[in-house]
Amino acid sequence: MNADELTNYLHNHIPLSAAMQVRVAACQEDGVSVAAPLAPNINHRNTAFGGSLASIATLAAWSLLHLRLTQLGIDARLVIKRSSMNYTAPVDAEFTATAAAPAAETWAAFLGMLTRKGKGRIVVSARLESRGSDAGSFEGEFVAVAVETGA
């Protein structure tokens, strides 16, 4: 799956991403970057709405997991269980959230649980940037539940 395909997937399956005008800027196994313009995400102070910043960070982390599971041919429902967001600077231009792949041992433990138990949990972090500067950080715990295929 390339960046355009992942963007289309998000727009078709998570309509909020289309309304936010989200686009996948980079899409590799080791990380996913998702960008959005300021205009559809603006607040009353002419900066990015905090909910939009949290949403794009969640989308980046979710997309990374979706991409990696899809590449492995694993069909799973992927949902966020909990998250925390830290805003470090106002955002007054296009912004990007980049989720980095978890450590290899963390990923292996997640896949092991998903394979053995049909359910796995994993924490993924993302970094927000705008104008080349740090704008915030996100941490989310995601749960993947294997989709059973009928025989």
C-alpha atoms as a PDB file:
ATOM      1  CA  MET A   1       0.000   0.000   0.000  1.00  0.00           C
ATOM      2  CA  ASN A   2       1.429   3.373  -0.986  1.00  0.00           C
ATOM      3  CA  ALA A   3       0.656   6.845   0.385  1.00  0.00           C
ATOM      4  CA  ASP A   4      -2.114   7.588  -2.142  1.00  0.00           C
ATOM      5  CA  GLU A   5      -3.795   4.236  -1.504  1.00  0.00           C
ATOM      6  CA  LEU A   6      -3.658   4.763   2.248  1.00  0.00           C
ATOM      7  CA  THR A   7      -5.049   8.300   1.859  1.00  0.00           C
ATOM      8  CA  ASN A   8      -7.950   6.921  -0.196  1.00  0.00           C
ATOM      9  CA  TYR A   9      -8.543   4.190   2.373  1.00  0.00           C
ATOM     10  CA  LEU A  10      -8.720   6.758   5.169  1.00  0.00           C
ATOM     11  CA  HIS A  11     -11.075   9.033   3.229  1.00  0.00           C
ATOM     12  CA  ASN A  12     -13.384   6.114   2.347  1.00  0.00           C
ATOM     13  CA  HIS A  13     -13.425   4.431   5.767  1.00  0.00           C
ATOM     14  CA  ILE A  14     -12.887   7.343   8.177  1.00  0.00           C
ATOM     15  CA  PRO A  15     -14.899  10.252   6.724  1.00  0.00           C
ATOM     16  CA  LEU A  16     -13.481  12.745   9.228  1.00  0.00           C
ATOM     17  CA  SER A  17     -10.104  12.379   7.475  1.00  0.00           C
ATOM     18  CA  ALA A  18     -11.632  13.629   4.214  1.00  0.00           C
ATOM     19  CA  ALA A  19     -13.312  16.578   5.960  1.00  0.00           C
ATOM     20  CA  MET A  20      -9.956  17.465   7.533  1.00  0.00           C
ATOM     21  CA  GLN A  21      -8.318  17.157   4.066  1.00  0.00           C
ATOM     22  CA  VAL A  22      -5.799  14.689   5.467  1.00  0.00           C
ATOM     23  CA  ARG A  23      -3.205  13.213   3.136  1.00  0.00           C
ATOM     24  CA  VAL A  24      -0.630  10.565   3.828  1.00  0.00           C
ATOM     25  CA  ALA A  25       2.720  12.249   3.240  1.00  0.00           C
ATOM     26  CA  ALA A  26       4.924   9.197   3.844  1.00  0.00           C
ATOM     27  CA  CYS A  27       4.068   5.557   4.201  1.00  0.00           C
ATOM     28  CA  GLN A  28       6.725   2.997   5.140  1.00  0.00           C
ATOM     29  CA  GLU A  29       6.855   0.021   7.459  1.00  0.00           C
ATOM     30  CA  ASP A  30       8.974   2.018   9.932  1.00  0.00           C
ATOM     31  CA  GLY A  31       6.704   5.064  10.033  1.00  0.00           C
ATOM     32  CA  VAL A  32       3.702   6.902   8.638  1.00  0.00           C
ATOM     33  CA  SER A  33       3.355  10.680   8.288  1.00  0.00           C
ATOM     34  CA  VAL A  34      -0.051  12.261   7.845  1.00  0.00           C
ATOM     35  CA  ALA A  35      -0.486  15.949   6.951  1.00  0.00           C
ATOM     36  CA  ALA A  36      -3.414  18.368   6.955  1.00  0.00           C
ATOM     37  CA  PRO A  37      -3.879  22.009   5.962  1.00  0.00           C
ATOM     38  CA  LEU A  38      -4.832  24.615   8.522  1.00  0.00           C
ATOM     39  CA  ALA A  39      -8.003  25.982   6.823  1.00  0.00           C
ATOM     40  CA  PRO A  40     -10.442  23.087   7.480  1.00  0.00           C
ATOM     41  CA  ASN A  41      -8.960  22.565  10.947  1.00  0.00           C
ATOM     42  CA  ILE A  42      -8.890  26.140  12.224  1.00  0.00           C
ATOM     43  CA  ASN A  43     -10.257  27.352  15.550  1.00  0.00           C
ATOM     44  CA  HIS A  44     -11.473  30.752  16.774  1.00  0.00           C
ATOM     45  CA  ARG A  45      -7.867  31.863  17.409  1.00  0.00           C
ATOM     46  CA  ASN A  46      -6.745  31.158  13.809  1.00  0.00           C
ATOM     47  CA  THR A  47      -4.682  28.202  14.936  1.00  0.00           C
ATOM     48  CA  ALA A  48      -5.307  24.493  14.539  1.00  0.00           C
ATOM     49  CA  PHE A  49      -8.160  23.103  16.616  1.00  0.00           C
ATOM     50  CA  GLY A  50      -6.841  20.809  19.346  1.00  0.00           C
ATOM     51  CA  GLY A  51      -9.284  18.108  18.303  1.00  0.00           C
ATOM     52  CA  SER A  52      -7.862  18.170  14.781  1.00  0.00           C
ATOM     53  CA  LEU A  53      -4.330  17.836  16.128  1.00  0.00           C
ATOM     54  CA  ALA A  54      -5.347  14.880  18.288  1.00  0.00           C
ATOM     55  CA  SER A  55      -7.244  13.341  15.382  1.00  0.00           C
ATOM     56  CA  ILE A  56      -4.331  13.551  12.954  1.00  0.00           C
ATOM     57  CA  ALA A  57      -1.972  12.044  15.530  1.00  0.00           C
ATOM     58  CA  THR A  58      -4.428   9.209  16.140  1.00  0.00           C
ATOM     59  CA  LEU A  59      -4.782   8.697  12.383  1.00  0.00           C
ATOM     60  CA  ALA A  60      -1.004   8.506  11.921  1.00  0.00           C
ATOM     61  CA  ALA A  61      -0.617   5.891  14.660  1.00  0.00           C
ATOM     62  CA  TRP A  62      -3.669   3.902  13.530  1.00  0.00           C
ATOM     63  CA  SER A  63      -2.472   4.050   9.903  1.00  0.00           C
ATOM     64  CA  LEU A  64       0.944   2.697  10.839  1.00  0.00           C
ATOM     65  CA  LEU A  65      -0.634  -0.309  12.539  1.00  0.00           C
ATOM     66  CA  HIS A  66      -3.146  -0.810   9.720  1.00  0.00           C
ATOM     67  CA  LEU A  67      -0.352  -0.700   7.140  1.00  0.00           C
ATOM     68  CA  ARG A  68       1.852  -3.173   8.982  1.00  0.00           C
ATOM     69  CA  LEU A  69      -0.970  -5.638   9.664  1.00  0.00           C
ATOM     70  CA  THR A  70      -2.163  -5.388   6.051  1.00  0.00           C
ATOM     71  CA  GLN A  71       1.361  -6.062   4.768  1.00  0.00           C
ATOM     72  CA  LEU A  72       1.420  -9.227   6.877  1.00  0.00           C
ATOM     73  CA  GLY A  73      -1.982 -10.319   5.572  1.00  0.00           C
ATOM     74  CA  ILE A  74      -3.530 -10.085   9.047  1.00  0.00           C
ATOM     75  CA  ASP A  75      -7.211  -9.155   9.070  1.00  0.00           C
ATOM     76  CA  ALA A  76      -7.973  -7.471  12.386  1.00  0.00           C
ATOM     77  CA  ARG A  77     -10.277  -4.832  13.791  1.00  0.00           C
ATOM     78  CA  LEU A  78      -8.041  -2.086  15.071  1.00  0.00           C
ATOM     79  CA  VAL A  79      -9.363   0.364  17.662  1.00  0.00           C
ATOM     80  CA  ILE A  80      -7.906   2.865  20.049  1.00  0.00           C
ATOM     81  CA  LYS A  81      -8.337   2.057  23.736  1.00  0.00           C
ATOM     82  CA  ARG A  82      -6.837   5.176  25.290  1.00  0.00           C
ATOM     83  CA  SER A  83      -4.673   8.114  24.301  1.00  0.00           C
ATOM     84  CA  SER A  84      -2.914  11.141  25.656  1.00  0.00           C
ATOM     85  CA  MET A  85      -1.929  14.303  23.849  1.00  0.00           C
ATOM     86  CA  ASN A  86       0.600  16.944  24.811  1.00  0.00           C
ATOM     87  CA  TYR A  87       0.417  20.264  22.958  1.00  0.00           C
ATOM     88  CA  THR A  88       3.717  22.164  23.001  1.00  0.00           C
ATOM     89  CA  ALA A  89       3.093  25.073  20.610  1.00  0.00           C
ATOM     90  CA  PRO A  90       0.228  26.711  18.730  1.00  0.00           C
ATOM     91  CA  VAL A  91      -0.089  25.575  15.115  1.00  0.00           C
ATOM     92  CA  ASP A  92      -0.783  28.278  12.516  1.00  0.00           C
ATOM     93  CA  ALA A  93       0.097  26.449   9.286  1.00  0.00           C
ATOM     94  CA  GLU A  94      -0.102  22.982   7.727  1.00  0.00           C
ATOM     95  CA  PHE A  95       0.708  20.308  10.288  1.00  0.00           C
ATOM     96  CA  THR A  96       2.009  16.772  10.219  1.00  0.00           C
ATOM     97  CA  ALA A  97       1.838  13.838  12.596  1.00  0.00           C
ATOM     98  CA  THR A  98       4.464  11.129  12.286  1.00  0.00           C
ATOM     99  CA  ALA A  99       4.060   7.765  13.972  1.00  0.00           C
ATOM    100  CA  ALA A 100       7.208   5.692  14.303  1.00  0.00           C
ATOM    101  CA  ALA A 101       7.150   1.914  14.378  1.00  0.00           C
ATOM    102  CA  PRO A 102       7.380   0.420  17.849  1.00  0.00           C
ATOM    103  CA  ALA A 103      10.534  -1.433  18.880  1.00  0.00           C
ATOM    104  CA  ALA A 104      10.954  -4.853  17.262  1.00  0.00           C
ATOM    105  CA  GLU A 105      10.428  -6.714  20.539  1.00  0.00           C
ATOM    106  CA  THR A 106       7.245  -4.725  21.270  1.00  0.00           C
ATOM    107  CA  TRP A 107       5.917  -5.485  17.785  1.00  0.00           C
ATOM    108  CA  ALA A 108       6.787  -9.177  18.130  1.00  0.00           C
ATOM    109  CA  ALA A 109       4.989  -9.417  21.489  1.00  0.00           C
ATOM    110  CA  PHE A 110       1.915  -7.701  19.989  1.00  0.00           C
ATOM    111  CA  LEU A 111       1.843 -10.068  17.011  1.00  0.00           C
ATOM    112  CA  GLY A 112       2.378 -13.062  19.281  1.00  0.00           C
ATOM    113  CA  MET A 113      -0.620 -12.152  21.420  1.00  0.00           C
ATOM    114  CA  LEU A 114      -2.762 -11.392  18.380  1.00  0.00           C
ATOM    115  CA  THR A 115      -1.865 -14.733  16.819  1.00  0.00           C
ATOM    116  CA  ARG A 116      -2.224 -16.848  19.977  1.00  0.00           C
ATOM    117  CA  LYS A 117      -5.134 -15.132  21.708  1.00  0.00           C
ATOM    118  CA  GLY A 118      -6.867 -13.392  18.791  1.00  0.00           C
ATOM    119  CA  LYS A 119      -6.322 -10.047  20.518  1.00  0.00           C
ATOM    120  CA  GLY A 120      -3.260  -7.881  21.015  1.00  0.00           C
ATOM    121  CA  ARG A 121      -2.498  -4.486  22.568  1.00  0.00           C
ATOM    122  CA  ILE A 122       0.231  -2.090  21.589  1.00  0.00           C
ATOM    123  CA  VAL A 123       1.259   1.488  22.362  1.00  0.00           C
ATOM    124  CA  VAL A 124       2.223   3.757  19.469  1.00  0.00           C
ATOM    125  CA  SER A 125       3.603   7.284  19.694  1.00  0.00           C
ATOM    126  CA  ALA A 126       3.370  10.137  17.204  1.00  0.00           C
ATOM    127  CA  ARG A 127       5.024  13.517  16.950  1.00  0.00           C
ATOM    128  CA  LEU A 128       3.270  16.658  15.696  1.00  0.00           C
ATOM    129  CA  GLU A 129       5.153  19.240  13.653  1.00  0.00           C
ATOM    130  CA  SER A 130       4.359  22.490  11.924  1.00  0.00           C
ATOM    131  CA  ARG A 131       6.729  24.825  10.096  1.00  0.00           C
ATOM    132  CA  GLY A 132       9.545  22.385  10.889  1.00  0.00           C
ATOM    133  CA  SER A 133       9.077  22.730  14.648  1.00  0.00           C
ATOM    134  CA  ASP A 134       7.722  20.450  17.330  1.00  0.00           C
ATOM    135  CA  ALA A 135       4.050  21.105  18.098  1.00  0.00           C
ATOM    136  CA  GLY A 136       3.112  18.193  20.314  1.00  0.00           C
ATOM    137  CA  SER A 137       3.234  14.516  21.094  1.00  0.00           C
ATOM    138  CA  PHE A 138       0.710  11.699  21.217  1.00  0.00           C
ATOM    139  CA  GLU A 139       0.667   8.275  22.784  1.00  0.00           C
ATOM    140  CA  GLY A 140      -2.104   5.802  22.128  1.00  0.00           C
ATOM    141  CA  GLU A 141      -2.845   2.257  23.191  1.00  0.00           C
ATOM    142  CA  PHE A 142      -4.463   0.296  20.376  1.00  0.00           C
ATOM    143  CA  VAL A 143      -6.223  -3.060  20.458  1.00  0.00           C
ATOM    144  CA  ALA A 144      -6.323  -5.393  17.484  1.00  0.00           C
ATOM    145  CA  VAL A 145      -8.916  -8.164  17.420  1.00  0.00           C
ATOM    146  CA  ALA A 146      -8.460 -10.868  14.810  1.00  0.00           C
ATOM    147  CA  VAL A 147     -11.318 -11.175  12.354  1.00  0.00           C
ATOM    148  CA  GLU A 148     -12.379 -14.779  12.158  1.00  0.00           C
ATOM    149  CA  THR A 149     -12.777 -16.095   8.662  1.00  0.00           C
ATOM    150  CA  GLY A 150     -15.616 -18.458   7.953  1.00  0.00           C
ATOM    151  CA  ALA A 151     -14.756 -21.965   6.866  1.00  0.00           C
END
